N, C-alpha and C. Protein backbone atom coordinates (compact mmCIF):
# COMPACT_ATOMS: atom_id res chain seq x y z
N MET A 1 0.95 -1.05 0.00
CA MET A 1 0.21 0.11 0.04
C MET A 1 0.76 1.22 -0.03
N ALA A 2 0.48 2.18 -0.50
CA ALA A 2 1.24 3.47 -0.85
C ALA A 2 0.94 4.33 0.32
N THR A 3 2.10 5.28 0.50
CA THR A 3 1.97 6.00 1.73
C THR A 3 1.80 7.54 1.34
N VAL A 4 0.61 8.30 1.99
CA VAL A 4 0.48 9.50 1.61
C VAL A 4 1.47 10.27 2.57
N ASN A 5 2.05 11.24 1.55
CA ASN A 5 2.71 12.40 2.50
C ASN A 5 1.84 13.40 2.82
N ARG A 6 1.56 13.85 4.17
CA ARG A 6 0.28 14.85 4.52
C ARG A 6 1.36 15.85 5.27
N PRO A 7 0.75 16.90 5.12
CA PRO A 7 1.50 18.29 5.73
C PRO A 7 1.57 18.14 7.23
N ARG A 8 2.35 18.57 7.88
CA ARG A 8 2.38 18.46 9.32
C ARG A 8 1.65 19.52 9.88
N ALA A 9 0.96 19.32 11.04
CA ALA A 9 0.19 20.47 11.62
C ALA A 9 0.98 21.57 11.96
N THR A 10 0.86 22.70 11.53
CA THR A 10 1.62 23.93 11.89
C THR A 10 0.95 24.84 12.74
N ASN A 11 1.59 25.67 13.23
CA ASN A 11 1.09 27.00 14.27
C ASN A 11 0.43 27.71 13.07
N SER A 12 -0.77 28.55 13.11
CA SER A 12 -1.34 29.13 12.45
C SER A 12 -0.61 30.43 12.25
N LYS A 13 0.63 30.89 13.16
CA LYS A 13 1.10 31.92 12.98
C LYS A 13 2.17 31.88 11.98
N THR A 14 2.46 33.02 11.31
CA THR A 14 3.50 33.04 10.26
C THR A 14 5.01 33.11 11.03
N ALA A 15 5.88 33.18 10.18
CA ALA A 15 7.43 33.45 10.54
C ALA A 15 7.46 34.41 11.22
N LYS A 16 6.74 35.86 11.11
CA LYS A 16 7.09 36.73 11.95
C LYS A 16 6.21 36.94 13.15
N GLY A 17 5.30 35.92 13.37
CA GLY A 17 4.50 36.05 14.52
C GLY A 17 3.10 36.55 14.40
N ALA A 18 2.94 37.06 13.07
CA ALA A 18 1.31 37.21 12.84
C ALA A 18 0.61 36.43 12.23
N ALA A 19 -0.62 36.26 12.59
CA ALA A 19 -1.71 35.15 11.97
C ALA A 19 -1.70 35.87 10.48
N PRO A 20 -2.02 34.75 9.34
CA PRO A 20 -2.35 35.22 8.21
C PRO A 20 -3.29 36.18 7.97
N SER A 21 -4.58 36.32 8.95
CA SER A 21 -5.74 37.50 8.90
C SER A 21 -4.72 38.79 9.07
N GLU A 22 -4.10 38.73 10.27
CA GLU A 22 -3.34 39.88 10.57
C GLU A 22 -2.46 40.30 9.40
N MET A 23 -1.87 39.57 9.00
CA MET A 23 -0.94 39.85 7.86
C MET A 23 -1.64 40.59 6.57
N ALA A 24 -2.90 39.82 6.40
CA ALA A 24 -3.77 40.37 5.44
C ALA A 24 -4.05 41.89 5.78
N LYS A 25 -4.70 41.98 6.90
CA LYS A 25 -4.94 43.35 7.43
C LYS A 25 -3.96 44.34 7.21
N ILE A 26 -2.84 44.05 7.60
CA ILE A 26 -1.58 44.77 7.59
C ILE A 26 -1.06 45.29 5.94
N ALA A 27 -1.42 44.34 5.22
CA ALA A 27 -1.20 44.47 3.67
C ALA A 27 -2.15 45.27 3.26
N THR A 28 -3.51 45.36 3.54
CA THR A 28 -4.62 46.34 2.98
C THR A 28 -4.31 47.67 3.58
N GLN A 29 -3.77 47.79 4.98
CA GLN A 29 -3.60 49.19 5.35
C GLN A 29 -2.24 49.87 4.90
N ALA A 30 -1.48 48.97 4.36
CA ALA A 30 -0.21 49.76 3.63
C ALA A 30 -0.70 50.12 2.11
N MET A 31 -1.57 49.24 1.80
CA MET A 31 -2.02 49.56 0.27
C MET A 31 -2.78 50.72 0.31
N ASN A 32 -3.94 51.05 1.42
CA ASN A 32 -4.71 52.08 1.57
C ASN A 32 -3.55 53.38 2.03
N LEU A 33 -2.61 53.38 2.78
CA LEU A 33 -1.81 54.47 2.99
C LEU A 33 -1.23 54.65 1.63
N GLN A 34 -0.60 53.86 0.80
CA GLN A 34 0.09 54.38 -0.56
C GLN A 34 -0.93 54.82 -1.62
N ASP A 35 -2.20 54.40 -1.52
CA ASP A 35 -3.23 54.98 -2.32
C ASP A 35 -3.67 56.55 -1.66
N GLU A 36 -3.65 56.77 -0.56
CA GLU A 36 -3.75 58.20 0.10
C GLU A 36 -2.76 58.72 -0.16
N ILE A 37 -1.36 58.37 -0.34
CA ILE A 37 -0.30 59.49 -0.69
C ILE A 37 -0.44 59.44 -2.09
N ARG A 38 -0.62 58.49 -2.79
CA ARG A 38 -0.72 58.92 -4.37
C ARG A 38 -1.77 59.72 -4.67
N ILE A 39 -3.08 59.83 -4.42
CA ILE A 39 -3.84 60.73 -4.28
C ILE A 39 -3.58 62.20 -3.91
N ARG A 40 -2.95 62.32 -2.70
CA ARG A 40 -2.44 63.46 -2.36
C ARG A 40 -1.51 64.26 -3.17
N ALA A 41 -0.65 63.31 -3.30
CA ALA A 41 0.42 64.11 -4.32
C ALA A 41 -0.05 64.13 -5.79
N PHE A 42 -0.78 63.61 -6.12
CA PHE A 42 -1.65 64.25 -7.39
C PHE A 42 -2.41 65.39 -7.11
N HIS A 43 -3.01 65.55 -6.06
CA HIS A 43 -3.87 66.99 -5.71
C HIS A 43 -2.43 67.96 -5.72
N LEU A 44 -1.69 67.88 -5.01
CA LEU A 44 -0.56 68.65 -4.95
C LEU A 44 -0.11 69.22 -6.48
N PHE A 45 0.24 68.25 -7.12
CA PHE A 45 0.58 68.45 -8.74
C PHE A 45 -0.34 69.50 -9.41
N VAL A 46 -1.79 68.97 -9.16
CA VAL A 46 -2.67 69.79 -9.80
C VAL A 46 -2.85 71.26 -9.04
N GLN A 47 -2.63 71.61 -7.97
CA GLN A 47 -2.53 72.81 -7.35
C GLN A 47 -1.57 73.68 -7.74
N ARG A 48 -0.42 73.07 -8.31
CA ARG A 48 0.76 73.77 -8.68
C ARG A 48 0.49 73.89 -10.28
N GLY A 49 -0.78 73.74 -10.65
CA GLY A 49 -1.12 74.10 -12.06
C GLY A 49 -0.39 73.08 -13.07
N CYS A 50 -0.45 71.64 -12.60
CA CYS A 50 -0.15 70.41 -13.52
C CYS A 50 1.35 70.86 -14.24
N LYS A 51 2.23 71.47 -13.58
CA LYS A 51 3.44 71.62 -13.97
C LYS A 51 4.35 70.47 -13.72
N HIS A 52 5.11 69.90 -14.60
CA HIS A 52 5.71 68.77 -14.68
C HIS A 52 7.08 68.95 -14.16
N GLY A 53 7.90 67.96 -13.27
CA GLY A 53 9.39 68.07 -13.13
C GLY A 53 9.55 68.12 -11.55
N ARG A 54 8.23 68.21 -10.61
CA ARG A 54 8.65 68.06 -9.54
C ARG A 54 7.90 67.02 -8.41
N ASP A 55 7.75 65.86 -9.15
CA ASP A 55 6.86 64.92 -8.79
C ASP A 55 7.75 64.15 -7.41
N LEU A 56 8.89 64.01 -7.30
CA LEU A 56 9.27 63.49 -6.05
C LEU A 56 9.06 64.42 -4.96
N GLU A 57 9.21 65.80 -5.23
CA GLU A 57 8.82 66.74 -4.06
C GLU A 57 7.34 66.73 -3.60
N ASP A 58 6.54 66.40 -4.84
CA ASP A 58 5.02 66.23 -4.53
C ASP A 58 4.99 64.96 -3.46
N TRP A 59 5.52 63.67 -4.00
CA TRP A 59 5.28 62.34 -3.40
C TRP A 59 5.95 62.71 -1.79
N VAL A 60 7.08 63.12 -1.76
CA VAL A 60 7.61 63.29 -0.41
C VAL A 60 6.52 64.01 0.61
N ARG A 61 6.13 65.23 0.00
CA ARG A 61 5.42 66.19 0.97
C ARG A 61 3.97 65.41 0.97
N ALA A 62 3.45 64.75 0.20
CA ALA A 62 1.99 64.12 0.52
C ALA A 62 2.33 62.88 1.45
N GLU A 63 3.54 62.19 1.23
CA GLU A 63 3.99 60.99 1.99
C GLU A 63 3.85 61.51 3.51
N SER A 64 4.55 62.87 3.74
CA SER A 64 4.77 63.24 5.11
C SER A 64 3.31 63.83 5.67
N GLU A 65 2.53 64.54 4.71
CA GLU A 65 1.12 64.47 5.24
C GLU A 65 0.42 63.60 5.66
N VAL A 66 0.11 62.57 4.67
CA VAL A 66 -0.56 61.36 5.09
C VAL A 66 -0.01 60.48 6.40
N LEU A 67 1.16 60.34 6.42
CA LEU A 67 1.79 59.56 7.48
C LEU A 67 1.52 60.42 9.05
N ALA A 68 1.17 61.66 8.79
CA ALA A 68 1.58 62.51 10.02
C ALA A 68 -0.20 62.53 10.40
N ARG A 69 -0.98 62.58 9.36
CA ARG A 69 -2.47 62.44 9.54
C ARG A 69 -2.99 61.10 10.50
N PHE A 70 -2.09 59.91 9.66
CA PHE A 70 -2.40 58.63 10.39
C PHE A 70 -1.60 58.29 11.51
N GLY A 71 -0.80 59.13 11.98
CA GLY A 71 0.01 58.91 13.16
C GLY A 71 1.37 58.05 13.02
N ALA A 72 1.64 57.83 11.70
CA ALA A 72 2.68 57.11 11.54
C ALA A 72 4.03 57.78 11.00
N HIS A 73 5.17 57.28 11.51
CA HIS A 73 6.40 57.93 11.37
C HIS A 73 7.15 57.24 10.20
N THR A 74 8.11 57.86 9.41
CA THR A 74 8.79 57.44 8.63
C THR A 74 10.10 56.85 9.20
N ALA A 75 10.94 55.93 8.74
CA ALA A 75 11.95 55.23 9.33
C ALA A 75 13.18 56.02 9.34
């Protein structure tokens, strides 16, 4: 009779200690933050009259504003 290899029972925690559902929540929050930053950077671009060449400045300012609003800090 052939033997069936079955996966061993594992802890529901991932290597970093967060459950898969927690990891999904963190990933979703990160995507939402990036979307907020992207939208704010676009609004800054529009406020400047849609003049190109300052995209990095817009992104950094937007990132700073959004992270401050959410109480997060950059590393």
